C-alpha atoms as a PDB file:
ATOM      1  CA  UNK A   1      -0.201-111.130 -72.420  1.00  0.00           C
ATOM      2  CA  UNK A   2       0.150-110.169 -76.048  1.00  0.00           C
ATOM      3  CA  UNK A   3      -0.257-106.484 -75.164  1.00  0.00           C
ATOM      4  CA  UNK A   4       2.369-106.696 -72.397  1.00  0.00           C
ATOM      5  CA  UNK A   5       4.849-108.103 -74.911  1.00  0.00           C
ATOM      6  CA  UNK A   6       4.038-105.477 -77.532  1.00  0.00           C
ATOM      7  CA  UNK A   7       4.335-102.646 -74.995  1.00  0.00           C
ATOM      8  CA  UNK A   8       7.614-104.019 -73.708  1.00  0.00           C
ATOM      9  CA  UNK A   9       9.320-104.158 -77.097  1.00  0.00           C
ATOM     10  CA  UNK A  10       8.605-100.462 -77.501  1.00  0.00           C
ATOM     11  CA  UNK A  11      10.802 -99.827 -74.448  1.00  0.00           C
ATOM     12  CA  UNK A  12      14.516 -99.483 -75.365  1.00  0.00           C
ATOM     13  CA  UNK A  13      15.503-101.310 -72.155  1.00  0.00           C
ATOM     14  CA  UNK A  14      14.025-104.582 -73.478  1.00  0.00           C
ATOM     15  CA  UNK A  15      16.159-104.646 -76.632  1.00  0.00           C
ATOM     16  CA  UNK A  16      19.181-103.346 -74.713  1.00  0.00           C
ATOM     17  CA  UNK A  17      18.849-106.241 -72.251  1.00  0.00           C
ATOM     18  CA  UNK A  18      18.584-108.826 -75.027  1.00  0.00           C
ATOM     19  CA  UNK A  19      21.699-107.397 -76.709  1.00  0.00           C
ATOM     20  CA  UNK A  20      23.606-107.309 -73.402  1.00  0.00           C
ATOM     21  CA  UNK A  21      22.794-111.002 -72.886  1.00  0.00           C
ATOM     22  CA  UNK A  22      24.170-111.796 -76.350  1.00  0.00           C
ATOM     23  CA  UNK A  23      27.224-109.516 -76.223  1.00  0.00           C
ATOM     24  CA  UNK A  24      29.625-111.998 -74.540  1.00  0.00           C
ATOM     25  CA  UNK A  25      28.467-114.916 -76.730  1.00  0.00           C
ATOM     26  CA  UNK A  26      29.272-116.087 -80.228  1.00  0.00           C
ATOM     27  CA  UNK A  27      25.571-116.326 -81.086  1.00  0.00           C
ATOM     28  CA  UNK A  28      25.011-115.089 -84.623  1.00  0.00           C
ATOM     29  CA  UNK A  29      21.862-116.859 -85.823  1.00  0.00           C
ATOM     30  CA  UNK A  30      18.284-116.963 -84.540  1.00  0.00           C
ATOM     31  CA  UNK A  31      18.567-120.415 -82.990  1.00  0.00           C
ATOM     32  CA  UNK A  32      21.743-119.759 -81.005  1.00  0.00           C
ATOM     33  CA  UNK A  33      20.496-116.307 -79.962  1.00  0.00           C
ATOM     34  CA  UNK A  34      17.188-117.749 -78.744  1.00  0.00           C
ATOM     35  CA  UNK A  35      18.983-120.505 -76.833  1.00  0.00           C
ATOM     36  CA  UNK A  36      21.402-118.030 -75.196  1.00  0.00           C
ATOM     37  CA  UNK A  37      18.586-115.715 -74.121  1.00  0.00           C
ATOM     38  CA  UNK A  38      16.441-118.617 -72.877  1.00  0.00           C
ATOM     39  CA  UNK A  39      19.376-119.947 -70.848  1.00  0.00           C
ATOM     40  CA  UNK A  40      19.962-116.505 -69.305  1.00  0.00           C
ATOM     41  CA  UNK A  41      16.284-116.130 -68.425  1.00  0.00           C
ATOM     42  CA  UNK A  42      16.209-119.643 -66.924  1.00  0.00           C
ATOM     43  CA  UNK A  43      19.197-118.758 -64.713  1.00  0.00           C
ATOM     44  CA  UNK A  44      17.431-115.593 -63.476  1.00  0.00           C
ATOM     45  CA  UNK A  45      13.952-117.059 -62.921  1.00  0.00           C
ATOM     46  CA  UNK A  46      12.482-118.667 -59.789  1.00  0.00           C
ATOM     47  CA  UNK A  47       9.148-120.410 -60.164  1.00  0.00           C
ATOM     48  CA  UNK A  48       6.512-119.592 -57.558  1.00  0.00           C
ATOM     49  CA  UNK A  49       2.816-120.430 -57.586  1.00  0.00           C
ATOM     50  CA  UNK A  50       0.370-117.548 -57.504  1.00  0.00           C
ATOM     51  CA  UNK A  51      -2.666-117.691 -55.216  1.00  0.00           C
ATOM     52  CA  UNK A  52      -4.423-115.302 -57.589  1.00  0.00           C
ATOM     53  CA  UNK A  53      -3.540-114.913 -61.252  1.00  0.00           C
ATOM     54  CA  UNK A  54      -1.525-111.838 -62.151  1.00  0.00           C
ATOM     55  CA  UNK A  55       1.055-111.232 -64.861  1.00  0.00           C
ATOM     56  CA  UNK A  56       4.246-109.266 -64.286  1.00  0.00           C
ATOM     57  CA  UNK A  57       5.406-106.893 -66.965  1.00  0.00           C
ATOM     58  CA  UNK A  58       8.809-107.541 -68.534  1.00  0.00           C
ATOM     59  CA  UNK A  59       9.932-104.189 -67.086  1.00  0.00           C
ATOM     60  CA  UNK A  60       9.016-105.364 -63.570  1.00  0.00           C
ATOM     61  CA  UNK A  61      10.900-108.641 -64.114  1.00  0.00           C
ATOM     62  CA  UNK A  62      13.966-106.695 -65.287  1.00  0.00           C
ATOM     63  CA  UNK A  63      13.817-104.476 -62.195  1.00  0.00           C
ATOM     64  CA  UNK A  64      13.683-107.559 -59.962  1.00  0.00           C
ATOM     65  CA  UNK A  65      16.712-109.019 -61.737  1.00  0.00           C
ATOM     66  CA  UNK A  66      18.634-105.761 -61.358  1.00  0.00           C
ATOM     67  CA  UNK A  67      17.764-105.510 -57.654  1.00  0.00           C
ATOM     68  CA  UNK A  68      17.908-109.160 -56.565  1.00  0.00           C
ATOM     69  CA  UNK A  69      19.615-111.121 -59.345  1.00  0.00           C
ATOM     70  CA  UNK A  70      16.444-113.012 -60.262  1.00  0.00           C
ATOM     71  CA  UNK A  71      12.685-112.637 -60.585  1.00  0.00           C
ATOM     72  CA  UNK A  72       9.819-114.689 -59.181  1.00  0.00           C
ATOM     73  CA  UNK A  73       6.900-115.751 -61.338  1.00  0.00           C
ATOM     74  CA  UNK A  74       4.929-118.552 -62.855  1.00  0.00           C
ATOM     75  CA  UNK A  75       4.498-119.814 -66.415  1.00  0.00           C
ATOM     76  CA  UNK A  76       2.850-116.696 -67.835  1.00  0.00           C
ATOM     77  CA  UNK A  77       5.414-114.349 -66.273  1.00  0.00           C
ATOM     78  CA  UNK A  78       8.411-116.185 -67.696  1.00  0.00           C
ATOM     79  CA  UNK A  79       6.734-116.736 -71.083  1.00  0.00           C
ATOM     80  CA  UNK A  80       5.934-113.018 -71.434  1.00  0.00           C
ATOM     81  CA  UNK A  81       9.443-112.003 -70.332  1.00  0.00           C
ATOM     82  CA  UNK A  82      11.216-114.394 -72.700  1.00  0.00           C
ATOM     83  CA  UNK A  83       8.856-113.497 -75.550  1.00  0.00           C
ATOM     84  CA  UNK A  84       9.590-109.780 -75.119  1.00  0.00           C
ATOM     85  CA  UNK A  85      13.355-110.359 -75.252  1.00  0.00           C
ATOM     86  CA  UNK A  86      13.134-112.561 -78.349  1.00  0.00           C
ATOM     87  CA  UNK A  87      10.738-110.292 -80.250  1.00  0.00           C
ATOM     88  CA  UNK A  88      12.968-107.311 -79.393  1.00  0.00           C
ATOM     89  CA  UNK A  89      15.746-108.878 -81.493  1.00  0.00           C
ATOM     90  CA  UNK A  90      13.449-109.901 -84.337  1.00  0.00           C
ATOM     91  CA  UNK A  91      12.624-113.512 -83.466  1.00  0.00           C
ATOM     92  CA  UNK A  92       8.916-114.205 -84.037  1.00  0.00           C
ATOM     93  CA  UNK A  93       7.116-115.985 -81.209  1.00  0.00           C
ATOM     94  CA  UNK A  94       3.666-117.115 -80.275  1.00  0.00           C
ATOM     95  CA  UNK A  95       2.173-118.123 -76.958  1.00  0.00           C
ATOM     96  CA  UNK A  96       0.679-121.568 -76.445  1.00  0.00           C
ATOM     97  CA  UNK A  97      -1.964-122.015 -73.750  1.00  0.00           C
ATOM     98  CA  UNK A  98      -2.766-125.599 -72.821  1.00  0.00           C
ATOM     99  CA  UNK A  99      -5.067-127.705 -70.691  1.00  0.00           C
ATOM    100  CA  UNK A 100      -3.341-130.690 -69.106  1.00  0.00           C
ATOM    101  CA  UNK A 101      -6.405-132.280 -67.498  1.00  0.00           C
ATOM    102  CA  UNK A 102      -9.709-133.225 -69.157  1.00  0.00           C
ATOM    103  CA  UNK A 103     -11.438-132.674 -65.815  1.00  0.00           C
ATOM    104  CA  UNK A 104     -10.186-129.068 -65.737  1.00  0.00           C
ATOM    105  CA  UNK A 105     -12.332-126.711 -67.880  1.00  0.00           C
ATOM    106  CA  UNK A 106      -9.722-123.931 -68.000  1.00  0.00           C
ATOM    107  CA  UNK A 107      -6.379-123.665 -69.704  1.00  0.00           C
ATOM    108  CA  UNK A 108      -3.839-124.062 -66.911  1.00  0.00           C
ATOM    109  CA  UNK A 109      -0.411-123.554 -68.450  1.00  0.00           C
ATOM    110  CA  UNK A 110       1.292-121.327 -71.013  1.00  0.00           C
ATOM    111  CA  UNK A 111       4.667-121.378 -72.752  1.00  0.00           C
ATOM    112  CA  UNK A 112       6.048-119.885 -75.923  1.00  0.00           C
ATOM    113  CA  UNK A 113       7.245-121.156 -79.249  1.00  0.00           C
ATOM    114  CA  UNK A 114       9.870-119.319 -81.284  1.00  0.00           C
ATOM    115  CA  UNK A 115      10.124-119.415 -85.066  1.00  0.00           C
ATOM    116  CA  UNK A 116      13.624-120.753 -85.656  1.00  0.00           C
ATOM    117  CA  UNK A 117      12.851-122.156 -89.098  1.00  0.00           C
ATOM    118  CA  UNK A 118      10.404-124.454 -87.316  1.00  0.00           C
ATOM    119  CA  UNK A 119       8.347-123.554 -84.239  1.00  0.00           C
ATOM    120  CA  UNK A 120      10.467-124.544 -81.210  1.00  0.00           C
ATOM    121  CA  UNK A 121       8.857-124.711 -77.745  1.00  0.00           C
ATOM    122  CA  UNK A 122      10.422-122.881 -74.791  1.00  0.00           C
ATOM    123  CA  UNK A 123       8.895-123.790 -71.424  1.00  0.00           C
ATOM    124  CA  UNK A 124      11.238-122.481 -68.756  1.00  0.00           C
ATOM    125  CA  UNK A 125       9.078-123.795 -65.911  1.00  0.00           C
ATOM    126  CA  UNK A 126      10.140-127.356 -66.758  1.00  0.00           C
ATOM    127  CA  UNK A 127      13.581-128.952 -66.480  1.00  0.00           C
ATOM    128  CA  UNK A 128      15.527-128.743 -69.744  1.00  0.00           C
ATOM    129  CA  UNK A 129      14.461-131.476 -72.149  1.00  0.00           C
ATOM    130  CA  UNK A 130      11.165-132.174 -70.367  1.00  0.00           C
ATOM    131  CA  UNK A 131       7.813-131.654 -72.001  1.00  0.00           C
ATOM    132  CA  UNK A 132       4.225-131.496 -70.864  1.00  0.00           C
ATOM    133  CA  UNK A 133       1.247-133.306 -72.352  1.00  0.00           C
ATOM    134  CA  UNK A 134      -1.699-131.218 -73.417  1.00  0.00           C
ATOM    135  CA  UNK A 135      -5.228-132.445 -73.945  1.00  0.00           C
ATOM    136  CA  UNK A 136      -6.101-129.182 -75.710  1.00  0.00           C
ATOM    137  CA  UNK A 137      -4.152-126.119 -76.801  1.00  0.00           C
ATOM    138  CA  UNK A 138      -4.660-122.711 -78.302  1.00  0.00           C
ATOM    139  CA  UNK A 139      -1.968-120.676 -80.069  1.00  0.00           C
ATOM    140  CA  UNK A 140      -1.882-116.863 -79.797  1.00  0.00           C
ATOM    141  CA  UNK A 141       0.238-114.833 -82.177  1.00  0.00           C
ATOM    142  CA  UNK A 142       2.179-111.972 -80.637  1.00  0.00           C
END
């Protein structure tokens, strides 16, 4: 996932998209920019379970949005997409993988945290304001 984000920020389209999202807003600090971009991504994302794990590239998600108005994905797809947009405008992020069940040996969910003075979680698979309880987590710098 980290490599997908790093590759994506090298593509001009990623930064261009982030700036286009911000253009009609009054956002002028990291927190308001991150919130505006997260809101935009949330409005263009449709959660769907995957029978077999695969991760969409941010470029593929952008193409889906351009063609259909939204993109399908699960937690890793939306986390990678949002991370790429935030990093493209200079907001540091890291990915947080969690296990939500002690009976489950594998990490089963991922979201991102953005450095907005403090690390703020962004999990766009949950309703706004909701959180998820982890029994174990691992943080991966981007």
